[in-house]
Every structure is written in structure tokens, then in C-alpha cells.
Amino acid sequence: MPETGVEQPTEHTAEGLSLWLTDCIATHLERTPDTIDTSVPLTDYGLDSLYVLAVAAELEDHLDISLDPTVMWHNPTIDGLSKALVEELAQNA
């Protein structure tokens, strides 16, 4: 998992997850986080299915939960994925 520089929040909020995901994706793309638009589909950055599986695995480690990898395909933007993850975490609580 890349060192994101974003501390893991004690409460997982959509905003906190969005920041973490933005930093994670920026690290993988070798870009700065401010160049990642959270409303743009991740595929627009050239991310393929292998990359999506890698990010899903990092999310599982970060959140300490098991995720269906399709969650990223059903929520293709950081904004959408962050909200879906908050809902998933609430269901697992």
C-alpha cells in the first residue's frame, strides 16, 4: 500500500475517504493529489481492471473490511466510491 500521507481517520467519513483515495490514486499515477478530480471516472485516468483490483485490495487493508471488487465499477468516481464505502462501513458496523 502506498504511503498516502493521509492519516487514517478514527471515523470514516466520505470526506476522509475521498482524501485518502485521491492521495492513493495520485501516488499510483505518479501525480500530485491536486491534479485528481474526484468527480471524474477513474477510467478517464487510464486505469484498467488490474489497477482497480489493486486499489480494492488497498481499500480492504485500509478499512479492514472485505469488499466486492465491483464496488469500484458501480461507483467509478472517487466521490461516488467514498459515499458507497461509508454506506458499506455503516452496514458492517
N, C-alpha and C. Protein backbone atom coordinates (compact mmCIF):
# COMPACT_ATOMS: atom_id res chain seq x y z
N MET A 1 0.85 -1.18 0.00
CA MET A 1 0.00 0.00 0.00
C MET A 1 0.89 1.22 0.00
N PRO A 2 0.60 2.24 -0.83
CA PRO A 2 1.45 3.42 -0.87
C PRO A 2 1.28 4.23 0.40
N GLU A 3 2.33 4.92 0.76
CA GLU A 3 2.26 5.83 1.90
C GLU A 3 1.52 7.06 1.40
N THR A 4 0.32 7.28 1.91
CA THR A 4 -0.52 8.34 1.39
C THR A 4 -0.30 9.68 2.06
N GLY A 5 0.24 9.66 3.28
CA GLY A 5 0.40 10.91 4.00
C GLY A 5 -0.89 11.37 4.64
N VAL A 6 -1.98 10.67 4.38
CA VAL A 6 -3.26 11.00 4.98
C VAL A 6 -3.47 10.04 6.14
N GLU A 7 -3.62 10.60 7.34
CA GLU A 7 -3.83 9.74 8.50
C GLU A 7 -5.17 9.04 8.39
N GLN A 8 -5.18 7.79 8.87
CA GLN A 8 -6.43 7.04 8.86
C GLN A 8 -7.34 7.66 9.92
N PRO A 9 -8.51 8.14 9.52
CA PRO A 9 -9.41 8.76 10.49
C PRO A 9 -10.00 7.72 11.43
N THR A 10 -10.33 8.17 12.65
CA THR A 10 -10.97 7.26 13.58
C THR A 10 -12.40 6.98 13.13
N GLU A 11 -13.03 7.95 12.51
CA GLU A 11 -14.35 7.75 11.91
C GLU A 11 -14.19 7.89 10.41
N HIS A 12 -14.71 6.95 9.67
CA HIS A 12 -14.58 7.00 8.22
C HIS A 12 -15.74 7.81 7.66
N THR A 13 -15.41 9.00 7.16
CA THR A 13 -16.39 9.87 6.53
C THR A 13 -16.15 9.88 5.04
N ALA A 14 -17.14 10.33 4.28
CA ALA A 14 -16.96 10.43 2.83
C ALA A 14 -15.80 11.36 2.51
N GLU A 15 -15.67 12.44 3.26
CA GLU A 15 -14.59 13.39 3.01
C GLU A 15 -13.22 12.77 3.31
N GLY A 16 -13.13 12.08 4.43
CA GLY A 16 -11.86 11.43 4.79
C GLY A 16 -11.47 10.35 3.80
N LEU A 17 -12.44 9.55 3.38
CA LEU A 17 -12.17 8.51 2.40
C LEU A 17 -11.81 9.10 1.04
N SER A 18 -12.46 10.19 0.68
CA SER A 18 -12.15 10.86 -0.58
C SER A 18 -10.71 11.36 -0.59
N LEU A 19 -10.29 11.94 0.52
CA LEU A 19 -8.90 12.42 0.62
C LEU A 19 -7.92 11.25 0.50
N TRP A 20 -8.21 10.16 1.22
CA TRP A 20 -7.33 9.01 1.18
C TRP A 20 -7.27 8.42 -0.23
N LEU A 21 -8.43 8.25 -0.86
CA LEU A 21 -8.47 7.69 -2.21
C LEU A 21 -7.76 8.59 -3.22
N THR A 22 -7.96 9.90 -3.10
CA THR A 22 -7.30 10.84 -4.00
C THR A 22 -5.80 10.72 -3.88
N ASP A 23 -5.30 10.66 -2.66
CA ASP A 23 -3.87 10.53 -2.44
C ASP A 23 -3.36 9.19 -2.94
N CYS A 24 -4.09 8.13 -2.69
CA CYS A 24 -3.71 6.79 -3.14
C CYS A 24 -3.62 6.73 -4.67
N ILE A 25 -4.63 7.23 -5.33
CA ILE A 25 -4.67 7.19 -6.79
C ILE A 25 -3.59 8.09 -7.38
N ALA A 26 -3.40 9.26 -6.79
CA ALA A 26 -2.34 10.16 -7.26
C ALA A 26 -0.98 9.49 -7.14
N THR A 27 -0.76 8.78 -6.05
CA THR A 27 0.51 8.07 -5.86
C THR A 27 0.72 7.03 -6.95
N HIS A 28 -0.31 6.26 -7.25
CA HIS A 28 -0.20 5.24 -8.30
C HIS A 28 0.02 5.86 -9.68
N LEU A 29 -0.58 7.00 -9.91
CA LEU A 29 -0.45 7.65 -11.21
C LEU A 29 0.79 8.56 -11.29
N GLU A 30 1.52 8.63 -10.18
CA GLU A 30 2.70 9.50 -10.08
C GLU A 30 2.34 10.94 -10.43
N ARG A 31 1.25 11.40 -9.79
CA ARG A 31 0.75 12.76 -9.96
C ARG A 31 0.56 13.35 -8.57
N THR A 32 0.34 14.64 -8.51
CA THR A 32 0.02 15.26 -7.24
C THR A 32 -1.48 15.15 -7.01
N PRO A 33 -1.90 15.04 -5.75
CA PRO A 33 -3.34 14.89 -5.47
C PRO A 33 -4.20 16.02 -6.03
N ASP A 34 -3.64 17.23 -6.13
CA ASP A 34 -4.45 18.35 -6.62
C ASP A 34 -4.75 18.24 -8.12
N THR A 35 -4.15 17.27 -8.81
CA THR A 35 -4.45 17.07 -10.23
C THR A 35 -5.52 16.01 -10.46
N ILE A 36 -6.03 15.44 -9.37
CA ILE A 36 -7.07 14.40 -9.45
C ILE A 36 -8.42 15.03 -9.16
N ASP A 37 -9.33 14.93 -10.11
CA ASP A 37 -10.69 15.46 -9.95
C ASP A 37 -11.56 14.32 -9.43
N THR A 38 -12.12 14.49 -8.24
CA THR A 38 -12.88 13.42 -7.59
C THR A 38 -14.21 13.12 -8.27
N SER A 39 -14.62 13.97 -9.21
CA SER A 39 -15.88 13.73 -9.92
C SER A 39 -15.67 13.08 -11.28
N VAL A 40 -14.43 12.83 -11.64
CA VAL A 40 -14.10 12.24 -12.94
C VAL A 40 -13.97 10.73 -12.78
N PRO A 41 -14.57 9.94 -13.69
CA PRO A 41 -14.41 8.48 -13.61
C PRO A 41 -12.93 8.09 -13.64
N LEU A 42 -12.58 7.12 -12.80
CA LEU A 42 -11.19 6.69 -12.71
C LEU A 42 -10.68 6.15 -14.05
N THR A 43 -11.58 5.60 -14.86
CA THR A 43 -11.15 5.11 -16.18
C THR A 43 -10.64 6.24 -17.06
N ASP A 44 -11.10 7.47 -16.81
CA ASP A 44 -10.61 8.62 -17.58
C ASP A 44 -9.13 8.88 -17.33
N TYR A 45 -8.60 8.35 -16.24
CA TYR A 45 -7.17 8.47 -15.94
C TYR A 45 -6.39 7.29 -16.51
N GLY A 46 -7.06 6.43 -17.27
CA GLY A 46 -6.40 5.30 -17.91
C GLY A 46 -6.25 4.08 -17.02
N LEU A 47 -7.05 4.00 -15.96
CA LEU A 47 -6.94 2.89 -15.03
C LEU A 47 -7.68 1.68 -15.59
N ASP A 48 -7.01 0.53 -15.56
CA ASP A 48 -7.62 -0.69 -16.08
C ASP A 48 -8.10 -1.59 -14.94
N SER A 49 -8.62 -2.76 -15.30
CA SER A 49 -9.22 -3.65 -14.30
C SER A 49 -8.18 -4.15 -13.29
N LEU A 50 -6.95 -4.36 -13.70
CA LEU A 50 -5.92 -4.80 -12.75
C LEU A 50 -5.65 -3.72 -11.71
N TYR A 51 -5.62 -2.49 -12.15
CA TYR A 51 -5.42 -1.38 -11.22
C TYR A 51 -6.58 -1.30 -10.24
N VAL A 52 -7.79 -1.46 -10.75
CA VAL A 52 -8.97 -1.40 -9.89
C VAL A 52 -8.91 -2.47 -8.81
N LEU A 53 -8.48 -3.67 -9.17
CA LEU A 53 -8.34 -4.74 -8.18
C LEU A 53 -7.28 -4.40 -7.14
N ALA A 54 -6.20 -3.76 -7.57
CA ALA A 54 -5.15 -3.36 -6.63
C ALA A 54 -5.67 -2.32 -5.65
N VAL A 55 -6.42 -1.35 -6.13
CA VAL A 55 -6.98 -0.32 -5.25
C VAL A 55 -8.01 -0.94 -4.31
N ALA A 56 -8.81 -1.87 -4.81
CA ALA A 56 -9.79 -2.55 -3.95
C ALA A 56 -9.08 -3.28 -2.81
N ALA A 57 -7.95 -3.91 -3.11
CA ALA A 57 -7.17 -4.60 -2.07
C ALA A 57 -6.62 -3.61 -1.06
N GLU A 58 -6.16 -2.46 -1.52
CA GLU A 58 -5.65 -1.43 -0.61
C GLU A 58 -6.77 -0.89 0.27
N LEU A 59 -7.95 -0.74 -0.31
CA LEU A 59 -9.10 -0.28 0.47
C LEU A 59 -9.44 -1.28 1.57
N GLU A 60 -9.42 -2.56 1.21
CA GLU A 60 -9.70 -3.61 2.20
C GLU A 60 -8.72 -3.53 3.36
N ASP A 61 -7.44 -3.35 3.04
CA ASP A 61 -6.43 -3.22 4.09
C ASP A 61 -6.65 -1.96 4.92
N HIS A 62 -6.91 -0.86 4.24
CA HIS A 62 -7.10 0.43 4.92
C HIS A 62 -8.32 0.42 5.84
N LEU A 63 -9.40 -0.19 5.37
CA LEU A 63 -10.66 -0.17 6.11
C LEU A 63 -10.87 -1.41 6.97
N ASP A 64 -10.04 -2.41 6.78
CA ASP A 64 -10.15 -3.68 7.50
C ASP A 64 -11.51 -4.33 7.28
N ILE A 65 -11.95 -4.34 6.02
CA ILE A 65 -13.18 -5.00 5.64
C ILE A 65 -12.95 -5.74 4.33
N SER A 66 -13.89 -6.61 3.97
CA SER A 66 -13.84 -7.31 2.70
C SER A 66 -14.79 -6.60 1.74
N LEU A 67 -14.30 -6.26 0.56
CA LEU A 67 -15.12 -5.55 -0.43
C LEU A 67 -15.32 -6.39 -1.67
N ASP A 68 -16.47 -6.25 -2.28
CA ASP A 68 -16.72 -6.81 -3.59
C ASP A 68 -15.99 -5.89 -4.59
N PRO A 69 -15.06 -6.42 -5.37
CA PRO A 69 -14.31 -5.56 -6.30
C PRO A 69 -15.19 -4.77 -7.25
N THR A 70 -16.42 -5.24 -7.50
CA THR A 70 -17.30 -4.49 -8.41
C THR A 70 -17.77 -3.17 -7.82
N VAL A 71 -17.54 -2.97 -6.53
CA VAL A 71 -17.94 -1.70 -5.92
C VAL A 71 -17.28 -0.53 -6.65
N MET A 72 -16.08 -0.74 -7.16
CA MET A 72 -15.39 0.34 -7.87
C MET A 72 -15.96 0.56 -9.27
N TRP A 73 -16.48 -0.51 -9.89
CA TRP A 73 -17.10 -0.35 -11.21
C TRP A 73 -18.47 0.30 -11.09
N HIS A 74 -19.18 -0.02 -10.01
CA HIS A 74 -20.50 0.57 -9.79
C HIS A 74 -20.41 2.01 -9.30
N ASN A 75 -19.27 2.39 -8.79
CA ASN A 75 -19.03 3.75 -8.28
C ASN A 75 -17.71 4.23 -8.87
N PRO A 76 -17.73 4.65 -10.15
CA PRO A 76 -16.49 4.89 -10.88
C PRO A 76 -15.73 6.16 -10.53
N THR A 77 -16.31 7.02 -9.70
CA THR A 77 -15.60 8.24 -9.31
C THR A 77 -15.20 8.15 -7.84
N ILE A 78 -14.24 8.95 -7.45
CA ILE A 78 -13.84 8.98 -6.05
C ILE A 78 -15.00 9.43 -5.18
N ASP A 79 -15.75 10.43 -5.65
CA ASP A 79 -16.90 10.91 -4.88
C ASP A 79 -17.92 9.79 -4.65
N GLY A 80 -18.27 9.10 -5.71
CA GLY A 80 -19.25 8.02 -5.59
C GLY A 80 -18.75 6.87 -4.76
N LEU A 81 -17.50 6.51 -4.96
CA LEU A 81 -16.91 5.41 -4.21
C LEU A 81 -16.82 5.74 -2.72
N SER A 82 -16.47 6.95 -2.39
CA SER A 82 -16.38 7.36 -0.98
C SER A 82 -17.72 7.22 -0.29
N LYS A 83 -18.77 7.67 -0.95
CA LYS A 83 -20.12 7.57 -0.37
C LYS A 83 -20.54 6.10 -0.22
N ALA A 84 -20.25 5.29 -1.24
CA ALA A 84 -20.59 3.87 -1.18
C ALA A 84 -19.84 3.18 -0.05
N LEU A 85 -18.60 3.55 0.16
CA LEU A 85 -17.80 2.95 1.22
C LEU A 85 -18.33 3.32 2.60
N VAL A 86 -18.78 4.55 2.77
CA VAL A 86 -19.37 4.96 4.05
C VAL A 86 -20.61 4.12 4.32
N GLU A 87 -21.43 3.91 3.30
CA GLU A 87 -22.63 3.07 3.46
C GLU A 87 -22.25 1.64 3.79
N GLU A 88 -21.23 1.11 3.12
CA GLU A 88 -20.76 -0.26 3.39
C GLU A 88 -20.26 -0.38 4.82
N LEU A 89 -19.51 0.60 5.26
CA LEU A 89 -18.98 0.56 6.63
C LEU A 89 -20.11 0.64 7.65
N ALA A 90 -21.13 1.42 7.36
CA ALA A 90 -22.27 1.54 8.29
C ALA A 90 -23.01 0.20 8.37
N GLN A 91 -23.11 -0.52 7.27
CA GLN A 91 -23.78 -1.82 7.27
C GLN A 91 -22.96 -2.86 8.03
N ASN A 92 -21.64 -2.72 8.02
CA ASN A 92 -20.76 -3.68 8.69
C ASN A 92 -20.53 -3.34 10.16
N ALA A 93 -21.03 -2.19 10.58
CA ALA A 93 -20.79 -1.75 11.97
C ALA A 93 -21.62 -2.54 12.97
